[in-house]
């Protein structure tokens, strides 16, 4: 039996985590903040960001049936020393709408069955607080709607305090919207739709409500049915409530180091995880003050591999946290009409960011609006706050995990436009990584850029060159390919950092500096640009950070100059002899 607290990878039941001695990042101080805010709350966060575990903690904290277990379950946590008056005071209804599945034809029946089961179990659990004939009377009702009405009325009659916790409130409605279309979705959430009717029943029957999901769309469409919730999604007080801060990640690393099961340097682990899992900011008020947040599922996925196998996972991306690519395609299916969604995705993928204002909520009917689409990408975790311009904010790609998804989308777009033999390109990557034969790699990519750009003249431009390189370099698994990396007081275009943990046979590393000229630019400008690029890349190559990250490999400094869509000049630059 392990003598240390195991990582709760994939476990979201708070009681199990505490009783089976799993590691827990203490978020209990936010209980007080939630109570001080409002009685009816609503929060959006991306998938796999700790929502279910947090709600599970609240369930056990407030449940009157768990009141005697408070010290056992919460010992050592912040809230154990600072309990609120509401602790153990409620009968808690916990609903998880992700549990409702089935085909579209079965949806109404399955939904009714799930709600009937949840409210029946609720009545049985708290029967001791009601008259003796409570359950007998309940059995007279068969529909979920009637059972809900009975449970709510009985609680009011007895003066019982109810707390409603809804996890994944929008799960199956988003599935319906993305897969079945707006008409079926609209029928569920408007007029006499069954989903709308349920939310109408929530109003006025609970002392406190907290709902969480991944999109505000469904709630907006339910507004007249459920219009009492205060959104805390972008409230700065709750920016760090879900996910892990760097401090929390470091504490976790040190715990497992001290337990003797994590044989790795703390800085090495942070350096590798940070570009892939960090970077989230959920409030424009704290862009410059709060630490960026890590995706907690990703961190546990990574550290679990190190603890269990003694090494990082072969794939830095846990597919459980990635947006389903089919869903991404569904998000842009209306582009056949106006092209707006695809245009937004292309701009983000090619530029790395986009400017906009995140809407607090919006109906499904407005998803064709590109501004609303930006907001949806923010809520899905595909964008995050990176800069503040006052009226608008810069929304950027948070990390390599998300960036890779954009690049895969971009790659599909380029491949649809002009297919490239990817197997040949991958062979070039292998030769560059193992043998230092970089020229075939560069020639291959730049020829593909030429062929693709000549098909679509609008693609010409420096931004599009960057996007094209991003998309195809992303296929190179030998390296952690990072654009716009700060190296020695400057930002290189691409740093191909060898992934020696997974590919120890790699012997060569690369810094790529790309320079773009328009067709009309003069030879004089080209020469001046080239000279500047040579000095820039020499500076990058002499940085201590580069030397550390490329240790054990031969570093190649490559400058490529492109004019229009033609390759003009590509050379390797040597560092000074005395360096």
Protein backbone atom coordinates (compact mmCIF):
# COMPACT_ATOMS: atom_id res chain seq x y z
CA UNK A 1 0.00 0.00 0.00
CA UNK A 2 1.30 3.45 -0.97
CA UNK A 3 2.53 5.58 1.91
CA UNK A 4 1.93 8.80 0.00
CA UNK A 5 -1.21 10.46 -1.30
CA UNK A 6 -1.88 9.32 -4.85
CA UNK A 7 -2.85 11.80 -7.56
CA UNK A 8 -6.64 11.78 -8.13
CA UNK A 9 -6.38 11.62 -11.90
CA UNK A 10 -9.90 11.25 -13.29
CA UNK A 11 -11.49 11.18 -9.81
CA UNK A 12 -14.01 13.89 -8.98
CA UNK A 13 -15.73 12.51 -5.85
CA UNK A 14 -14.58 14.60 -2.89
CA UNK A 15 -15.46 12.00 -0.25
CA UNK A 16 -13.49 9.28 -2.02
CA UNK A 17 -10.48 11.58 -2.38
CA UNK A 18 -10.51 12.38 1.33
CA UNK A 19 -11.23 8.90 2.66
CA UNK A 20 -8.80 7.15 0.34
CA UNK A 21 -6.09 9.74 1.01
CA UNK A 22 -5.62 11.21 -2.47
CA UNK A 23 -3.76 14.46 -2.97
CA UNK A 24 -6.03 17.50 -2.85
CA UNK A 25 -5.31 21.11 -3.73
CA UNK A 26 -7.25 23.07 -1.12
CA UNK A 27 -9.84 25.35 -2.73
CA UNK A 28 -12.12 25.47 0.30
CA UNK A 29 -11.45 29.15 1.08
CA UNK A 30 -13.63 30.03 -1.91
CA UNK A 31 -16.69 28.66 -0.08
CA UNK A 32 -16.78 31.81 2.02
CA UNK A 33 -16.38 34.03 -1.04
CA UNK A 34 -19.26 32.26 -2.79
CA UNK A 35 -21.57 32.76 0.18
CA UNK A 36 -20.67 36.44 0.35
CA UNK A 37 -21.50 37.00 -3.33
CA UNK A 38 -25.10 35.89 -3.95
CA UNK A 39 -27.50 33.02 -3.33
CA UNK A 40 -27.88 32.00 -6.97
CA UNK A 41 -24.61 31.66 -8.88
CA UNK A 42 -23.46 30.58 -12.30
CA UNK A 43 -19.90 29.80 -13.45
CA UNK A 44 -18.40 28.78 -16.80
CA UNK A 45 -15.01 27.06 -17.14
CA UNK A 46 -13.43 24.86 -19.84
CA UNK A 47 -13.66 21.08 -19.71
CA UNK A 48 -11.47 19.20 -17.22
CA UNK A 49 -10.81 22.27 -15.07
CA UNK A 50 -11.89 20.81 -11.72
CA UNK A 51 -15.55 21.84 -11.81
CA UNK A 52 -16.98 18.47 -10.80
CA UNK A 53 -14.59 18.00 -7.88
CA UNK A 54 -15.28 21.49 -6.57
CA UNK A 55 -19.03 20.96 -6.73
CA UNK A 56 -18.61 17.60 -5.03
CA UNK A 57 -16.77 19.37 -2.19
CA UNK A 58 -19.66 21.83 -1.83
CA UNK A 59 -22.12 18.95 -1.78
CA UNK A 60 -20.45 17.33 1.22
CA UNK A 61 -19.86 20.65 2.94
CA UNK A 62 -23.49 21.79 2.87
CA UNK A 63 -25.31 18.44 3.10
CA UNK A 64 -27.17 18.08 6.40
CA UNK A 65 -26.81 14.31 6.04
CA UNK A 66 -23.01 14.72 6.07
CA UNK A 67 -22.92 17.18 8.98
CA UNK A 68 -21.38 14.65 11.39
CA UNK A 69 -18.65 13.81 8.85
CA UNK A 70 -17.46 17.39 8.50
CA UNK A 71 -14.30 17.08 10.56
CA UNK A 72 -13.36 13.76 8.94
CA UNK A 73 -13.81 15.02 5.37
CA UNK A 74 -12.45 18.56 5.81
CA UNK A 75 -9.71 18.12 8.41
CA UNK A 76 -6.61 20.07 7.41
CA UNK A 77 -8.41 22.23 4.86
CA UNK A 78 -8.86 25.98 5.25
CA UNK A 79 -12.61 25.78 5.75
CA UNK A 80 -12.24 23.36 8.68
CA UNK A 81 -10.84 26.23 10.72
CA UNK A 82 -13.22 28.81 9.23
CA UNK A 83 -16.62 27.09 8.84
CA UNK A 84 -19.56 29.23 7.78
CA UNK A 85 -22.97 29.30 9.42
CA UNK A 86 -24.40 27.41 6.45
CA UNK A 87 -22.21 24.34 6.88
CA UNK A 88 -24.33 21.16 7.09
CA UNK A 89 -27.60 23.12 6.87
CA UNK A 90 -29.12 22.03 3.56
CA UNK A 91 -30.77 19.14 1.84
CA UNK A 92 -28.65 19.04 -1.28
CA UNK A 93 -29.94 18.19 -4.73
CA UNK A 94 -26.93 17.35 -6.96
CA UNK A 95 -27.64 17.03 -10.69
CA UNK A 96 -25.14 16.16 -13.43
CA UNK A 97 -26.66 16.63 -16.88
CA UNK A 98 -23.71 14.91 -18.57
CA UNK A 99 -25.27 11.64 -17.36
CA UNK A 100 -28.15 12.01 -19.81
CA UNK A 101 -27.39 10.26 -23.07
CA UNK A 102 -29.12 8.44 -25.89
CA UNK A 103 -30.26 9.37 -29.37
CA UNK A 104 -32.23 12.50 -30.15
CA UNK A 105 -35.44 10.42 -30.28
CA UNK A 106 -34.78 9.15 -26.77
CA UNK A 107 -33.76 12.48 -25.31
CA UNK A 108 -37.06 13.56 -23.78
CA UNK A 109 -37.68 10.15 -22.25
CA UNK A 110 -34.12 9.84 -20.93
CA UNK A 111 -34.22 13.32 -19.45
CA UNK A 112 -37.50 12.62 -17.72
CA UNK A 113 -36.17 9.31 -16.42
CA UNK A 114 -33.00 10.90 -15.05
CA UNK A 115 -34.85 13.70 -13.25
CA UNK A 116 -37.40 11.22 -11.89
CA UNK A 117 -34.57 9.08 -10.50
CA UNK A 118 -32.70 12.02 -8.95
CA UNK A 119 -35.74 13.46 -7.16
CA UNK A 120 -36.95 10.07 -6.01
CA UNK A 121 -33.53 9.32 -4.52
CA UNK A 122 -33.49 12.77 -2.95
CA UNK A 123 -36.83 12.10 -1.27
CA UNK A 124 -35.66 8.76 0.07
CA UNK A 125 -32.40 10.20 1.38
CA UNK A 126 -34.11 12.94 3.39
CA UNK A 127 -37.35 11.11 4.25
CA UNK A 128 -36.60 11.41 7.97
CA UNK A 129 -37.18 15.18 7.76
CA UNK A 130 -40.72 14.75 6.41
CA UNK A 131 -44.03 13.23 7.58
CA UNK A 132 -44.31 9.43 7.77
CA UNK A 133 -46.48 9.20 4.66
CA UNK A 134 -43.97 11.29 2.60
CA UNK A 135 -42.67 8.46 0.45
CA UNK A 136 -46.09 6.83 0.11
CA UNK A 137 -47.45 10.06 -1.30
CA UNK A 138 -44.43 10.40 -3.58
CA UNK A 139 -45.15 6.99 -5.11
CA UNK A 140 -48.47 8.27 -6.42
CA UNK A 141 -46.63 10.37 -9.00
CA UNK A 142 -44.95 8.98 -12.10
CA UNK A 143 -43.70 11.91 -14.17
CA UNK A 144 -40.56 13.83 -13.29
CA UNK A 145 -42.49 17.10 -13.35
CA UNK A 146 -45.04 15.91 -10.79
CA UNK A 147 -42.37 14.39 -8.55
CA UNK A 148 -40.38 17.62 -8.62
CA UNK A 149 -43.46 19.65 -7.70
CA UNK A 150 -44.23 17.30 -4.81
CA UNK A 151 -40.66 17.40 -3.44
CA UNK A 152 -40.49 21.19 -3.67
CA UNK A 153 -43.90 21.70 -2.04
CA UNK A 154 -43.12 19.27 0.78
CA UNK A 155 -39.85 21.09 1.54
CA UNK A 156 -41.67 24.41 1.75
CA UNK A 157 -44.34 22.94 4.03
CA UNK A 158 -41.69 21.60 6.42
CA UNK A 159 -39.48 24.69 6.26
CA UNK A 160 -36.53 22.71 4.90
CA UNK A 161 -33.61 24.55 3.33
CA UNK A 162 -32.61 23.25 -0.13
CA UNK A 163 -29.34 23.70 -2.04
CA UNK A 164 -29.27 22.89 -5.77
CA UNK A 165 -25.93 22.01 -7.38
CA UNK A 166 -25.98 21.53 -11.16
CA UNK A 167 -22.89 20.15 -12.88
CA UNK A 168 -22.54 20.27 -16.67
CA UNK A 169 -25.85 22.14 -16.91
CA UNK A 170 -25.34 22.60 -20.66
CA UNK A 171 -23.76 19.27 -21.58
CA UNK A 172 -26.44 17.56 -23.56
CA UNK A 173 -27.98 20.77 -24.88
CA UNK A 174 -24.63 21.74 -26.40
CA UNK A 175 -24.43 18.28 -27.94
CA UNK A 176 -27.89 18.74 -29.42
CA UNK A 177 -26.97 22.21 -30.72
CA UNK A 178 -23.71 21.06 -32.33
CA UNK A 179 -24.93 17.75 -33.71
CA UNK A 180 -28.66 18.18 -34.35
CA UNK A 181 -28.99 21.83 -35.14
CA UNK A 182 -30.68 24.91 -33.80
CA UNK A 183 -34.29 23.88 -34.49
CA UNK A 184 -34.26 20.88 -32.15
CA UNK A 185 -32.22 22.82 -29.61
CA UNK A 186 -34.72 25.71 -29.78
CA UNK A 187 -37.63 23.36 -29.16
CA UNK A 188 -35.97 22.18 -25.93
CA UNK A 189 -35.04 25.57 -24.53
CA UNK A 190 -37.91 27.84 -25.57
CA UNK A 191 -41.68 28.13 -25.11
CA UNK A 192 -42.92 24.89 -23.55
CA UNK A 193 -39.67 22.95 -24.10
CA UNK A 194 -39.04 20.32 -21.43
CA UNK A 195 -35.61 21.66 -20.52
CA UNK A 196 -36.94 25.17 -20.10
CA UNK A 197 -39.79 23.87 -17.96
CA UNK A 198 -37.36 22.21 -15.54
CA UNK A 199 -35.41 25.43 -15.01
CA UNK A 200 -38.66 27.31 -14.34
CA UNK A 201 -39.28 24.84 -11.53
CA UNK A 202 -35.88 25.62 -10.00
CA UNK A 203 -36.89 29.25 -9.40
CA UNK A 204 -38.31 29.97 -6.00
CA UNK A 205 -37.76 26.45 -4.64
CA UNK A 206 -34.13 26.58 -3.50
CA UNK A 207 -32.37 28.73 -0.94
CA UNK A 208 -29.11 28.50 -2.85
CA UNK A 209 -28.18 27.40 -6.36
CA UNK A 210 -24.80 26.97 -8.03
CA UNK A 211 -24.58 25.87 -11.66
CA UNK A 212 -21.49 25.18 -13.73
CA UNK A 213 -20.92 24.37 -17.39
CA UNK A 214 -18.73 25.16 -20.39
CA UNK A 215 -20.94 27.61 -22.29
CA UNK A 216 -23.35 30.44 -21.39
CA UNK A 217 -25.46 29.82 -24.49
CA UNK A 218 -28.03 27.54 -22.92
CA UNK A 219 -28.58 29.78 -19.90
CA UNK A 220 -29.16 32.78 -22.15
CA UNK A 221 -31.81 30.87 -24.08
CA UNK A 222 -33.45 29.93 -20.79
CA UNK A 223 -33.44 33.49 -19.50
CA UNK A 224 -37.17 33.94 -19.04
CA UNK A 225 -37.38 30.49 -17.50
CA UNK A 226 -34.41 30.96 -15.20
CA UNK A 227 -33.35 34.59 -14.73
CA UNK A 228 -32.09 34.71 -11.15
CA UNK A 229 -28.47 33.65 -11.49
CA UNK A 230 -25.48 35.95 -10.92
CA UNK A 231 -22.62 35.08 -13.26
CA UNK A 232 -19.22 34.91 -11.55
CA UNK A 233 -17.42 33.57 -14.62
CA UNK A 234 -15.32 36.71 -15.12
CA UNK A 235 -15.41 37.89 -11.50
CA UNK A 236 -11.78 38.47 -10.49
CA UNK A 237 -12.41 37.02 -7.02
CA UNK A 238 -12.93 33.59 -8.58
CA UNK A 239 -10.23 33.68 -11.25
CA UNK A 240 -8.12 31.18 -9.25
CA UNK A 241 -10.96 29.05 -7.88
CA UNK A 242 -10.58 26.33 -10.50
CA UNK A 243 -7.36 25.10 -12.08
CA UNK A 244 -3.94 25.28 -10.41
CA UNK A 245 -1.68 28.27 -9.91
CA UNK A 246 2.07 27.78 -10.41
CA UNK A 247 2.50 27.94 -6.64
CA UNK A 248 0.04 25.08 -6.20
CA UNK A 249 1.79 23.03 -8.89
CA UNK A 250 5.18 23.58 -7.24
CA UNK A 251 3.79 22.52 -3.86
CA UNK A 252 2.50 19.34 -5.47
CA UNK A 253 5.88 18.61 -7.08
CA UNK A 254 7.71 19.12 -3.79
CA UNK A 255 5.30 16.82 -1.96
CA UNK A 256 6.03 13.94 -4.32
CA UNK A 257 9.74 14.69 -4.34
CA UNK A 258 9.80 14.50 -0.54
CA UNK A 259 7.75 11.28 -0.69
CA UNK A 260 10.55 9.83 -2.82
CA UNK A 261 8.37 8.94 -5.81
CA UNK A 262 9.18 11.85 -8.12
CA UNK A 263 12.77 11.76 -9.31
CA UNK A 264 12.93 14.92 -11.33
CA UNK A 265 14.07 18.51 -10.97
CA UNK A 266 11.31 20.96 -10.03
CA UNK A 267 12.41 23.58 -12.55
CA UNK A 268 12.64 20.97 -15.30
CA UNK A 269 9.06 19.89 -14.67
CA UNK A 270 7.72 23.45 -14.55
CA UNK A 271 9.66 24.39 -17.70
CA UNK A 272 8.12 21.50 -19.60
CA UNK A 273 4.57 21.81 -18.27
CA UNK A 274 4.18 25.57 -18.38
CA UNK A 275 4.08 26.08 -22.19
CA UNK A 276 1.57 23.23 -22.55
CA UNK A 277 -0.82 23.58 -19.61
CA UNK A 278 -0.50 27.11 -18.21
CA UNK A 279 -1.70 30.47 -19.48
CA UNK A 280 -5.37 30.79 -18.51
CA UNK A 281 -6.83 34.04 -17.23
CA UNK A 282 -10.60 34.31 -16.78
CA UNK A 283 -10.98 37.95 -15.73
CA UNK A 284 -9.81 41.01 -17.65
CA UNK A 285 -9.43 42.81 -14.31
CA UNK A 286 -6.45 40.68 -13.27
CA UNK A 287 -4.60 40.16 -16.56
CA UNK A 288 -1.48 41.83 -15.16
CA UNK A 289 -1.78 40.89 -11.48
CA UNK A 290 -3.02 37.33 -11.03
CA UNK A 291 -0.85 34.33 -11.91
CA UNK A 292 -1.95 32.44 -14.98
CA UNK A 293 -3.73 29.17 -14.24
CA UNK A 294 -2.79 25.63 -15.21
CA UNK A 295 -5.33 23.12 -16.49
CA UNK A 296 -5.49 20.86 -13.42
CA UNK A 297 -6.38 17.68 -15.31
CA UNK A 298 -3.32 18.13 -17.52
CA UNK A 299 -1.01 18.63 -14.55
CA UNK A 300 -2.20 15.47 -12.82
CA UNK A 301 -1.96 13.58 -16.13
CA UNK A 302 1.66 14.68 -16.57
CA UNK A 303 2.81 14.13 -12.98
CA UNK A 304 1.01 10.80 -12.77
CA UNK A 305 3.10 9.58 -15.71
CA UNK A 306 6.30 10.72 -14.01
CA UNK A 307 5.37 9.04 -10.73
CA UNK A 308 4.15 5.80 -12.29
CA UNK A 309 6.68 5.45 -15.13
CA UNK A 310 9.59 7.67 -14.13
CA UNK A 311 9.17 9.87 -17.21
CA UNK A 312 6.89 12.39 -18.84
CA UNK A 313 4.00 11.06 -20.94
CA UNK A 314 4.83 10.37 -24.58
CA UNK A 315 1.98 12.67 -25.56
CA UNK A 316 1.94 16.02 -23.80
CA UNK A 317 -1.73 16.38 -24.61
CA UNK A 318 -4.24 14.39 -22.61
CA UNK A 319 -6.92 13.79 -25.21
CA UNK A 320 -9.56 13.96 -22.49
CA UNK A 321 -8.95 17.70 -22.28
CA UNK A 322 -8.91 18.40 -25.97
CA UNK A 323 -11.89 19.75 -27.75
CA UNK A 324 -13.45 17.12 -29.96
CA UNK A 325 -12.28 17.92 -33.49
CA UNK A 326 -15.70 17.01 -34.84
CA UNK A 327 -17.19 19.68 -32.57
CA UNK A 328 -14.72 22.23 -33.92
CA UNK A 329 -15.84 21.38 -37.42
CA UNK A 330 -19.46 21.67 -36.37
CA UNK A 331 -18.74 25.11 -34.96
CA UNK A 332 -17.80 26.35 -38.42
CA UNK A 333 -20.38 24.48 -40.47
CA UNK A 334 -22.32 27.69 -41.16
CA UNK A 335 -19.31 29.17 -42.90
CA UNK A 336 -20.76 27.95 -46.14
CA UNK A 337 -23.15 30.84 -45.71
CA UNK A 338 -20.97 33.69 -44.45
CA UNK A 339 -17.44 32.45 -43.75
CA UNK A 340 -17.24 34.35 -40.47
CA UNK A 341 -16.48 31.50 -38.10
CA UNK A 342 -13.79 30.03 -40.27
CA UNK A 343 -12.32 33.48 -40.71
CA UNK A 344 -12.07 33.90 -36.95
CA UNK A 345 -10.36 30.53 -36.55
CA UNK A 346 -7.93 31.26 -39.37
CA UNK A 347 -6.98 34.62 -37.89
CA UNK A 348 -6.35 33.11 -34.46
CA UNK A 349 -4.39 30.16 -35.84
CA UNK A 350 -2.23 32.33 -38.09
CA UNK A 351 -1.75 35.32 -35.77
CA UNK A 352 -1.98 33.67 -32.32
CA UNK A 353 -4.53 36.15 -30.99
CA UNK A 354 -7.57 38.23 -31.83
CA UNK A 355 -9.18 41.36 -30.42
CA UNK A 356 -12.69 41.33 -29.01
CA UNK A 357 -15.04 41.78 -26.09
CA UNK A 358 -16.25 38.67 -24.29
CA UNK A 359 -20.02 38.66 -23.93
CA UNK A 360 -21.48 37.53 -20.60
CA UNK A 361 -24.13 35.55 -22.44
CA UNK A 362 -25.68 35.19 -25.87
CA UNK A 363 -28.35 33.03 -27.50
CA UNK A 364 -27.55 30.20 -29.89
CA UNK A 365 -29.03 32.23 -32.73
CA UNK A 366 -26.12 34.68 -32.46
CA UNK A 367 -23.36 32.08 -32.85
CA UNK A 368 -23.02 33.04 -36.51
CA UNK A 369 -21.91 36.47 -35.31
CA UNK A 370 -18.08 36.38 -35.33
CA UNK A 371 -17.91 38.47 -32.15
CA UNK A 372 -20.07 35.96 -30.32
CA UNK A 373 -17.99 33.13 -31.75
CA UNK A 374 -14.89 34.69 -30.16
CA UNK A 375 -16.73 34.64 -26.85
CA UNK A 376 -17.64 31.00 -27.29
CA UNK A 377 -13.99 30.10 -27.96
CA UNK A 378 -13.08 31.94 -24.75
CA UNK A 379 -15.56 29.92 -22.72
CA UNK A 380 -14.37 26.68 -24.30
CA UNK A 381 -10.81 27.49 -23.18
CA UNK A 382 -9.62 27.98 -26.77
CA UNK A 383 -8.85 31.65 -26.02
CA UNK A 384 -7.94 33.54 -22.87
CA UNK A 385 -7.35 37.13 -21.75
CA UNK A 386 -3.81 38.20 -22.67
CA UNK A 387 -3.95 42.00 -22.87
CA UNK A 388 -6.36 44.81 -22.03
CA UNK A 389 -7.19 47.65 -24.40
CA UNK A 390 -9.97 49.13 -22.27
CA UNK A 391 -13.03 48.80 -24.47
CA UNK A 392 -11.74 45.52 -25.90
CA UNK A 393 -9.27 42.86 -24.86
CA UNK A 394 -6.67 40.80 -26.64
CA UNK A 395 -7.75 37.18 -26.63
CA UNK A 396 -4.82 34.84 -27.16
CA UNK A 397 -4.10 31.14 -27.36
CA UNK A 398 -3.37 30.07 -23.77
CA UNK A 399 -0.82 27.31 -24.38
CA UNK A 400 0.64 24.71 -26.73
CA UNK A 401 -2.11 22.23 -25.93
CA UNK A 402 -4.72 24.56 -27.38
CA UNK A 403 -2.37 25.92 -30.04
CA UNK A 404 -1.91 22.41 -31.38
CA UNK A 405 -5.65 22.10 -31.89
CA UNK A 406 -5.71 25.33 -33.92
CA UNK A 407 -2.74 24.17 -35.97
CA UNK A 408 -4.40 20.84 -36.70
CA UNK A 409 -7.45 22.76 -37.89
CA UNK A 410 -5.19 25.00 -39.97
CA UNK A 411 -3.33 22.01 -41.38
CA UNK A 412 -6.61 20.46 -42.53
CA UNK A 413 -7.51 23.72 -44.25
CA UNK A 414 -4.18 23.89 -46.06
CA UNK A 415 -4.35 20.21 -46.97
CA UNK A 416 -7.83 20.69 -48.41
CA UNK A 417 -6.53 23.62 -50.45
CA UNK A 418 -3.39 21.89 -51.79
CA UNK A 419 -2.44 18.48 -50.33
CA UNK A 420 1.16 17.98 -49.22
CA UNK A 421 2.79 14.54 -48.95
CA UNK A 422 3.03 14.48 -45.17
CA UNK A 423 4.96 11.22 -45.02
CA UNK A 424 7.73 12.83 -47.07
CA UNK A 425 7.78 15.85 -44.77
CA UNK A 426 8.01 13.65 -41.67
CA UNK A 427 11.02 11.89 -43.19
CA UNK A 428 12.64 15.30 -43.64
CA UNK A 429 11.97 16.06 -39.96
CA UNK A 430 13.64 12.79 -39.00
CA UNK A 431 16.74 13.60 -41.06
CA UNK A 432 16.92 17.08 -39.54
CA UNK A 433 16.58 15.76 -35.99
CA UNK A 434 18.96 12.81 -36.24
CA UNK A 435 21.45 13.87 -38.90
CA UNK A 436 21.31 17.66 -39.02
CA UNK A 437 20.09 17.65 -42.64
CA UNK A 438 17.91 20.71 -42.30
CA UNK A 439 17.88 21.96 -45.89
CA UNK A 440 15.52 19.28 -47.22
CA UNK A 441 13.12 20.13 -44.38
CA UNK A 442 13.14 23.85 -45.19
CA UNK A 443 12.93 23.28 -48.96
CA UNK A 444 9.99 20.92 -48.49
CA UNK A 445 7.99 23.35 -46.33
CA UNK A 446 8.76 26.43 -48.41
CA UNK A 447 7.87 24.61 -51.63
CA UNK A 448 4.57 23.58 -50.05
CA UNK A 449 4.02 27.22 -49.04
CA UNK A 450 4.73 28.29 -52.61
CA UNK A 451 2.31 25.76 -54.09
CA UNK A 452 -0.46 26.53 -51.61
CA UNK A 453 -0.09 30.29 -51.80
CA UNK A 454 -0.05 30.30 -55.58
CA UNK A 455 -3.45 28.60 -55.46
CA UNK A 456 -4.89 31.13 -53.04
CA UNK A 457 -3.37 34.53 -53.70
CA UNK A 458 -5.08 36.04 -50.68
CA UNK A 459 -2.89 33.99 -48.41
CA UNK A 460 0.15 36.06 -49.31
CA UNK A 461 1.61 37.89 -46.34
CA UNK A 462 3.91 37.56 -43.34
CA UNK A 463 1.11 36.51 -40.98
CA UNK A 464 0.04 33.76 -43.29
CA UNK A 465 3.61 32.53 -43.71
CA UNK A 466 3.83 32.23 -39.92
CA UNK A 467 0.54 30.34 -39.81
CA UNK A 468 1.62 27.99 -42.57
CA UNK A 469 4.93 27.23 -40.84
CA UNK A 470 3.10 26.71 -37.54
CA UNK A 471 0.72 24.20 -39.09
CA UNK A 472 3.37 22.06 -40.73
CA UNK A 473 6.08 22.32 -38.07
CA UNK A 474 3.46 21.09 -35.63
CA UNK A 475 3.79 17.66 -37.26
CA UNK A 476 7.38 17.40 -36.04
CA UNK A 477 7.15 15.30 -32.87
CA UNK A 478 10.92 15.36 -32.26
CA UNK A 479 10.67 18.92 -31.04
CA UNK A 480 8.59 21.10 -28.81
CA UNK A 481 7.90 23.65 -31.50
CA UNK A 482 7.23 27.05 -30.05
CA UNK A 483 6.57 30.28 -32.01
CA UNK A 484 7.58 33.71 -30.72
CA UNK A 485 9.76 32.42 -27.88
CA UNK A 486 11.68 34.98 -25.84
CA UNK A 487 15.37 34.19 -26.21
CA UNK A 488 18.09 36.51 -24.96
CA UNK A 489 16.02 39.72 -24.91
CA UNK A 490 14.27 39.07 -28.20
CA UNK A 491 11.60 36.91 -29.78
CA UNK A 492 12.62 34.34 -32.36
CA UNK A 493 10.12 33.15 -34.95
CA UNK A 494 10.48 29.45 -34.16
CA UNK A 495 12.46 27.53 -31.60
CA UNK A 496 12.63 23.79 -32.30
CA UNK A 497 13.53 22.63 -28.81
CA UNK A 498 14.53 18.97 -28.78
CA UNK A 499 12.13 16.79 -26.81
CA UNK A 500 14.92 14.72 -25.30
CA UNK A 501 12.70 13.12 -22.69
CA UNK A 502 10.74 11.30 -25.37
CA UNK A 503 13.36 11.26 -28.13
CA UNK A 504 16.82 11.00 -26.56
CA UNK A 505 18.29 10.11 -29.95
CA UNK A 506 17.79 13.67 -31.26
CA UNK A 507 21.18 15.27 -31.96
CA UNK A 508 20.24 18.60 -33.53
CA UNK A 509 18.17 21.61 -32.51
CA UNK A 510 17.07 24.69 -34.46
CA UNK A 511 16.18 28.35 -34.26
CA UNK A 512 14.33 29.54 -37.35
CA UNK A 513 14.09 33.20 -38.29
CA UNK A 514 11.68 33.96 -41.14
CA UNK A 515 11.76 37.20 -43.07
CA UNK A 516 9.03 38.19 -45.47
CA UNK A 517 9.23 40.59 -48.39
CA UNK A 518 6.36 41.72 -50.56
CA UNK A 519 6.72 41.26 -54.30
CA UNK A 520 7.37 44.99 -54.77
CA UNK A 521 10.19 45.27 -52.18
CA UNK A 522 13.61 46.29 -53.51
CA UNK A 523 16.89 44.38 -53.41
CA UNK A 524 18.30 47.06 -51.12
CA UNK A 525 15.53 46.37 -48.60
CA UNK A 526 16.14 42.63 -48.92
CA UNK A 527 19.84 43.03 -48.09
CA UNK A 528 19.14 45.25 -45.11
CA UNK A 529 16.49 42.85 -43.82
CA UNK A 530 18.86 39.90 -44.20
CA UNK A 531 21.65 41.62 -42.27
CA UNK A 532 19.25 42.43 -39.43
CA UNK A 533 18.02 38.84 -39.32
CA UNK A 534 21.58 37.50 -39.11
CA UNK A 535 22.36 39.72 -36.12
CA UNK A 536 19.06 38.81 -34.45
CA UNK A 537 19.54 35.07 -34.72
CA UNK A 538 23.15 35.29 -33.51
CA UNK A 539 21.87 37.06 -30.41
CA UNK A 540 19.27 34.33 -29.84
CA UNK A 541 21.84 31.56 -30.23
CA UNK A 542 24.20 33.06 -27.65
CA UNK A 543 21.59 33.17 -24.90
CA UNK A 544 22.12 31.05 -21.78
CA UNK A 545 18.53 29.80 -21.95
CA UNK A 546 19.09 28.41 -25.44
CA UNK A 547 22.31 26.72 -24.44
CA UNK A 548 20.55 25.07 -21.52
CA UNK A 549 17.53 23.89 -23.50
CA UNK A 550 19.62 22.52 -26.37
CA UNK A 551 22.30 20.90 -24.22
CA UNK A 552 23.65 17.72 -25.80
CA UNK A 553 22.57 18.72 -29.32
CA UNK A 554 24.11 20.76 -32.10
CA UNK A 555 22.30 24.08 -32.48
CA UNK A 556 21.58 25.31 -36.01
CA UNK A 557 20.62 28.92 -36.70
CA UNK A 558 18.56 29.11 -39.90
CA UNK A 559 17.43 32.31 -41.61
CA UNK A 560 14.89 32.07 -44.44
CA UNK A 561 13.85 34.98 -46.62
CA UNK A 562 10.67 34.72 -48.70
CA UNK A 563 9.46 37.24 -51.25
CA UNK A 564 5.76 36.93 -52.09
CA UNK A 565 5.44 33.19 -52.17
CA UNK A 566 8.91 32.49 -53.62
CA UNK A 567 11.90 31.28 -51.59
CA UNK A 568 14.60 33.92 -51.96
CA UNK A 569 17.39 32.84 -49.60
CA UNK A 570 17.89 30.20 -46.90
CA UNK A 571 21.18 29.87 -45.01
CA UNK A 572 22.65 28.56 -41.79
CA UNK A 573 24.32 31.25 -39.70
CA UNK A 574 27.40 30.47 -37.63
CA UNK A 575 27.98 31.80 -34.15
CA UNK A 576 31.20 33.73 -33.45
CA UNK A 577 34.23 31.45 -33.08
CA UNK A 578 35.06 32.74 -29.60
CA UNK A 579 31.58 32.09 -28.30
